[in-house]
N, C-alpha and C. Protein backbone atom coordinates (compact mmCIF):
# COMPACT_ATOMS: atom_id res chain seq x y z
N MET A 1 -1.46 -2.12 -12.26
CA MET A 1 -0.96 -3.07 -11.30
C MET A 1 -1.88 -3.04 -10.08
N SER A 2 -2.14 -4.19 -9.52
CA SER A 2 -3.04 -4.28 -8.36
C SER A 2 -2.30 -3.99 -7.07
N GLY A 3 -3.00 -3.30 -6.19
CA GLY A 3 -2.43 -2.98 -4.89
C GLY A 3 -3.48 -3.02 -3.82
N LYS A 4 -3.03 -2.85 -2.59
CA LYS A 4 -3.91 -2.82 -1.44
C LYS A 4 -3.42 -1.71 -0.53
N LEU A 5 -4.32 -0.82 -0.14
CA LEU A 5 -4.01 0.21 0.85
C LEU A 5 -4.43 -0.30 2.20
N VAL A 6 -3.55 -0.17 3.18
CA VAL A 6 -3.84 -0.64 4.53
C VAL A 6 -3.69 0.55 5.48
N TYR A 7 -4.69 0.70 6.34
CA TYR A 7 -4.72 1.81 7.28
C TYR A 7 -4.27 1.33 8.65
N GLY A 8 -3.12 1.76 9.10
CA GLY A 8 -2.64 1.54 10.46
C GLY A 8 -2.64 0.10 10.93
N GLU A 9 -2.60 -0.06 12.24
CA GLU A 9 -2.54 -1.38 12.86
C GLU A 9 -3.86 -2.13 12.79
N SER A 10 -4.95 -1.42 12.56
CA SER A 10 -6.26 -2.08 12.54
C SER A 10 -6.38 -3.04 11.38
N GLY A 11 -5.60 -2.81 10.33
CA GLY A 11 -5.64 -3.71 9.19
C GLY A 11 -6.77 -3.44 8.23
N PHE A 12 -7.51 -2.32 8.38
CA PHE A 12 -8.54 -1.98 7.40
C PHE A 12 -7.85 -1.80 6.05
N SER A 13 -8.39 -2.43 5.02
CA SER A 13 -7.73 -2.34 3.72
C SER A 13 -8.75 -2.12 2.61
N VAL A 14 -8.24 -1.58 1.51
CA VAL A 14 -9.07 -1.31 0.34
C VAL A 14 -8.22 -1.57 -0.91
N ASP A 15 -8.86 -2.13 -1.94
CA ASP A 15 -8.17 -2.37 -3.20
C ASP A 15 -7.86 -1.05 -3.90
N CYS A 16 -6.77 -1.05 -4.65
CA CYS A 16 -6.44 0.11 -5.45
C CYS A 16 -5.73 -0.34 -6.72
N VAL A 17 -5.68 0.56 -7.68
CA VAL A 17 -4.91 0.35 -8.90
C VAL A 17 -3.70 1.27 -8.81
N ILE A 18 -2.53 0.71 -9.02
CA ILE A 18 -1.30 1.50 -8.99
C ILE A 18 -1.04 1.95 -10.41
N ARG A 19 -1.22 3.24 -10.65
CA ARG A 19 -1.09 3.80 -11.99
C ARG A 19 0.36 4.03 -12.38
N ASP A 20 1.17 4.37 -11.40
CA ASP A 20 2.59 4.64 -11.63
C ASP A 20 3.30 4.46 -10.31
N VAL A 21 4.48 3.85 -10.34
CA VAL A 21 5.27 3.68 -9.13
C VAL A 21 6.73 3.98 -9.44
N ALA A 22 7.39 4.66 -8.51
CA ALA A 22 8.80 4.99 -8.63
C ALA A 22 9.44 4.77 -7.26
N ASP A 23 10.73 4.97 -7.15
CA ASP A 23 11.42 4.78 -5.87
C ASP A 23 10.88 5.67 -4.77
N GLN A 24 10.44 6.87 -5.14
CA GLN A 24 10.03 7.86 -4.15
C GLN A 24 8.54 7.85 -3.82
N GLY A 25 7.71 7.24 -4.70
CA GLY A 25 6.28 7.28 -4.44
C GLY A 25 5.47 6.62 -5.53
N ALA A 26 4.15 6.81 -5.44
CA ALA A 26 3.23 6.18 -6.39
C ALA A 26 2.00 7.04 -6.63
N HIS A 27 1.39 6.80 -7.77
CA HIS A 27 0.11 7.40 -8.14
C HIS A 27 -0.89 6.25 -8.13
N ILE A 28 -1.91 6.36 -7.28
CA ILE A 28 -2.89 5.27 -7.16
C ILE A 28 -4.29 5.78 -7.45
N ARG A 29 -5.16 4.83 -7.74
CA ARG A 29 -6.58 5.13 -7.97
C ARG A 29 -7.41 4.14 -7.18
N LEU A 30 -8.38 4.66 -6.44
CA LEU A 30 -9.31 3.82 -5.70
C LEU A 30 -10.55 3.58 -6.55
N ALA A 31 -11.27 2.51 -6.25
CA ALA A 31 -12.47 2.17 -7.01
C ALA A 31 -13.60 3.16 -6.75
N SER A 32 -13.57 3.82 -5.61
CA SER A 32 -14.62 4.77 -5.27
C SER A 32 -14.01 5.97 -4.57
N ASP A 33 -14.84 6.90 -4.18
CA ASP A 33 -14.41 8.13 -3.53
C ASP A 33 -14.18 7.95 -2.03
N LEU A 34 -13.57 6.87 -1.63
CA LEU A 34 -13.32 6.64 -0.21
C LEU A 34 -12.28 7.63 0.31
N PRO A 35 -12.50 8.15 1.51
CA PRO A 35 -11.46 9.00 2.11
C PRO A 35 -10.34 8.10 2.61
N ILE A 36 -9.11 8.59 2.55
CA ILE A 36 -8.00 7.83 3.12
C ILE A 36 -7.25 8.71 4.10
N SER A 37 -6.64 8.06 5.08
CA SER A 37 -5.90 8.81 6.10
C SER A 37 -4.59 9.35 5.52
N ALA A 38 -3.95 10.23 6.25
CA ALA A 38 -2.73 10.88 5.78
C ALA A 38 -1.54 9.93 5.71
N ARG A 39 -1.60 8.83 6.45
CA ARG A 39 -0.52 7.84 6.45
C ARG A 39 -1.12 6.46 6.19
N VAL A 40 -0.57 5.75 5.21
CA VAL A 40 -1.08 4.44 4.82
C VAL A 40 0.09 3.51 4.47
N TRP A 41 -0.22 2.25 4.35
CA TRP A 41 0.70 1.27 3.78
C TRP A 41 0.16 0.91 2.41
N LEU A 42 1.03 0.85 1.43
CA LEU A 42 0.66 0.38 0.10
C LEU A 42 1.35 -0.96 -0.13
N ILE A 43 0.55 -2.00 -0.38
CA ILE A 43 1.10 -3.31 -0.72
C ILE A 43 1.01 -3.47 -2.22
N VAL A 44 2.16 -3.73 -2.85
CA VAL A 44 2.19 -4.05 -4.28
C VAL A 44 2.14 -5.57 -4.34
N ILE A 45 0.98 -6.09 -4.71
CA ILE A 45 0.73 -7.52 -4.61
C ILE A 45 1.73 -8.33 -5.43
N ARG A 46 1.99 -7.94 -6.64
CA ARG A 46 2.87 -8.69 -7.54
C ARG A 46 4.30 -8.81 -7.02
N THR A 47 4.83 -7.74 -6.46
CA THR A 47 6.24 -7.74 -6.04
C THR A 47 6.44 -8.19 -4.60
N GLY A 48 5.41 -8.11 -3.77
CA GLY A 48 5.55 -8.47 -2.36
C GLY A 48 6.21 -7.41 -1.51
N PHE A 49 6.22 -6.18 -2.02
CA PHE A 49 6.76 -5.08 -1.23
C PHE A 49 5.62 -4.25 -0.65
N ALA A 50 5.85 -3.74 0.56
CA ALA A 50 4.91 -2.83 1.21
C ALA A 50 5.65 -1.53 1.47
N TYR A 51 4.94 -0.43 1.28
CA TYR A 51 5.54 0.90 1.46
C TYR A 51 4.75 1.67 2.51
N ASP A 52 5.45 2.14 3.53
CA ASP A 52 4.88 3.08 4.49
C ASP A 52 4.88 4.42 3.76
N ALA A 53 3.71 5.03 3.63
CA ALA A 53 3.61 6.21 2.78
C ALA A 53 2.74 7.29 3.41
N THR A 54 3.02 8.52 3.00
CA THR A 54 2.16 9.65 3.34
C THR A 54 1.49 10.12 2.06
N VAL A 55 0.30 10.68 2.21
CA VAL A 55 -0.44 11.17 1.06
C VAL A 55 0.15 12.53 0.68
N ALA A 56 0.68 12.62 -0.54
CA ALA A 56 1.30 13.86 -1.03
C ALA A 56 0.27 14.77 -1.69
N TRP A 57 -0.71 14.18 -2.37
CA TRP A 57 -1.78 14.96 -2.99
C TRP A 57 -3.04 14.11 -3.12
N ARG A 58 -4.18 14.81 -3.21
CA ARG A 58 -5.50 14.16 -3.29
C ARG A 58 -6.31 14.78 -4.41
N ARG A 59 -6.79 13.94 -5.29
CA ARG A 59 -7.79 14.30 -6.30
C ARG A 59 -8.70 13.10 -6.44
N PRO A 60 -9.50 12.84 -5.37
CA PRO A 60 -10.29 11.61 -5.34
C PRO A 60 -11.02 11.35 -6.66
N PRO A 61 -10.94 10.13 -7.13
CA PRO A 61 -10.46 8.91 -6.48
C PRO A 61 -8.97 8.63 -6.68
N GLU A 62 -8.19 9.63 -7.12
CA GLU A 62 -6.75 9.42 -7.32
C GLU A 62 -5.95 10.13 -6.23
N PHE A 63 -4.80 9.50 -5.91
CA PHE A 63 -3.96 10.00 -4.83
C PHE A 63 -2.50 9.83 -5.19
N GLY A 64 -1.66 10.72 -4.69
CA GLY A 64 -0.22 10.58 -4.82
C GLY A 64 0.36 10.22 -3.46
N LEU A 65 1.21 9.22 -3.45
CA LEU A 65 1.83 8.77 -2.21
C LEU A 65 3.33 9.03 -2.24
N LYS A 66 3.87 9.45 -1.11
CA LYS A 66 5.31 9.63 -0.94
C LYS A 66 5.79 8.53 -0.01
N PHE A 67 6.73 7.72 -0.47
CA PHE A 67 7.21 6.60 0.32
C PHE A 67 8.18 7.04 1.40
N GLU A 68 7.98 6.48 2.59
CA GLU A 68 8.86 6.73 3.73
C GLU A 68 9.76 5.54 4.01
N GLN A 69 9.23 4.33 3.77
CA GLN A 69 9.95 3.11 4.09
C GLN A 69 9.46 2.00 3.17
N LYS A 70 10.35 1.08 2.80
CA LYS A 70 10.01 -0.06 1.96
C LYS A 70 10.30 -1.34 2.75
N VAL A 71 9.34 -2.28 2.73
CA VAL A 71 9.46 -3.52 3.48
C VAL A 71 9.22 -4.69 2.52
N ASP A 72 10.08 -5.70 2.60
CA ASP A 72 9.95 -6.90 1.78
C ASP A 72 9.10 -7.92 2.53
N LEU A 73 7.87 -8.12 2.08
CA LEU A 73 6.95 -9.04 2.75
C LEU A 73 7.31 -10.50 2.48
N LYS A 74 8.14 -10.76 1.49
CA LYS A 74 8.55 -12.13 1.17
C LYS A 74 9.60 -12.65 2.15
N ASP A 75 10.26 -11.77 2.87
CA ASP A 75 11.36 -12.13 3.76
C ASP A 75 10.95 -12.01 5.22
N PRO A 76 10.50 -13.12 5.84
CA PRO A 76 10.06 -13.04 7.23
C PRO A 76 11.20 -12.72 8.20
N THR A 77 12.45 -12.98 7.79
CA THR A 77 13.57 -12.67 8.68
C THR A 77 13.82 -11.17 8.78
N GLY A 78 13.29 -10.40 7.82
CA GLY A 78 13.42 -8.95 7.87
C GLY A 78 12.42 -8.31 8.81
N ARG A 79 11.58 -9.14 9.43
CA ARG A 79 10.57 -8.70 10.40
C ARG A 79 9.58 -7.67 9.84
N PRO A 80 8.92 -8.00 8.73
CA PRO A 80 7.89 -7.08 8.24
C PRO A 80 6.71 -7.06 9.21
N PRO A 81 5.94 -5.98 9.23
CA PRO A 81 4.74 -5.96 10.09
C PRO A 81 3.87 -7.18 9.78
N GLU A 82 3.57 -7.94 10.82
CA GLU A 82 2.88 -9.23 10.65
C GLU A 82 1.52 -9.10 9.97
N HIS A 83 0.75 -8.05 10.31
CA HIS A 83 -0.57 -7.92 9.69
C HIS A 83 -0.45 -7.68 8.18
N LEU A 84 0.60 -7.01 7.74
CA LEU A 84 0.81 -6.78 6.30
C LEU A 84 1.24 -8.07 5.62
N ARG A 85 2.12 -8.81 6.25
CA ARG A 85 2.58 -10.08 5.67
C ARG A 85 1.43 -11.08 5.54
N ARG A 86 0.60 -11.20 6.58
CA ARG A 86 -0.55 -12.10 6.52
C ARG A 86 -1.50 -11.72 5.39
N LEU A 87 -1.76 -10.43 5.26
CA LEU A 87 -2.66 -9.96 4.20
C LEU A 87 -2.08 -10.27 2.82
N TRP A 88 -0.80 -9.99 2.63
CA TRP A 88 -0.16 -10.27 1.33
C TRP A 88 -0.19 -11.76 1.03
N LEU A 89 0.11 -12.60 2.01
CA LEU A 89 0.08 -14.05 1.79
C LEU A 89 -1.31 -14.52 1.40
N ALA A 90 -2.34 -13.96 2.03
CA ALA A 90 -3.72 -14.32 1.69
C ALA A 90 -4.07 -13.89 0.26
N LEU A 91 -3.54 -12.77 -0.17
CA LEU A 91 -3.83 -12.28 -1.52
C LEU A 91 -3.13 -13.08 -2.60
N THR A 92 -2.02 -13.73 -2.25
CA THR A 92 -1.23 -14.45 -3.26
C THR A 92 -1.48 -15.95 -3.25
N SER A 93 -2.30 -16.44 -2.33
CA SER A 93 -2.53 -17.89 -2.29
C SER A 93 -3.81 -18.28 -3.00
């Protein structure tokens, strides 16, 4: 499944492959050995959900994420972070 990792408010993002996802977290793979910060947002492009996550484990280029919060980017009334919503909309159009 395709995903996007987003770093903080700056909106720096990188493509990723979501190898496994559950309610509590995800196993992702990056295309290269890029370092990632300890806290990231994971956007699941297909579902329109974004997860505020912390990195639980690192074996570059694979990482385990622990979800802290889930946000529905499809619902603007839920007030999702605007930079994440804009990025998701651009990816789906």
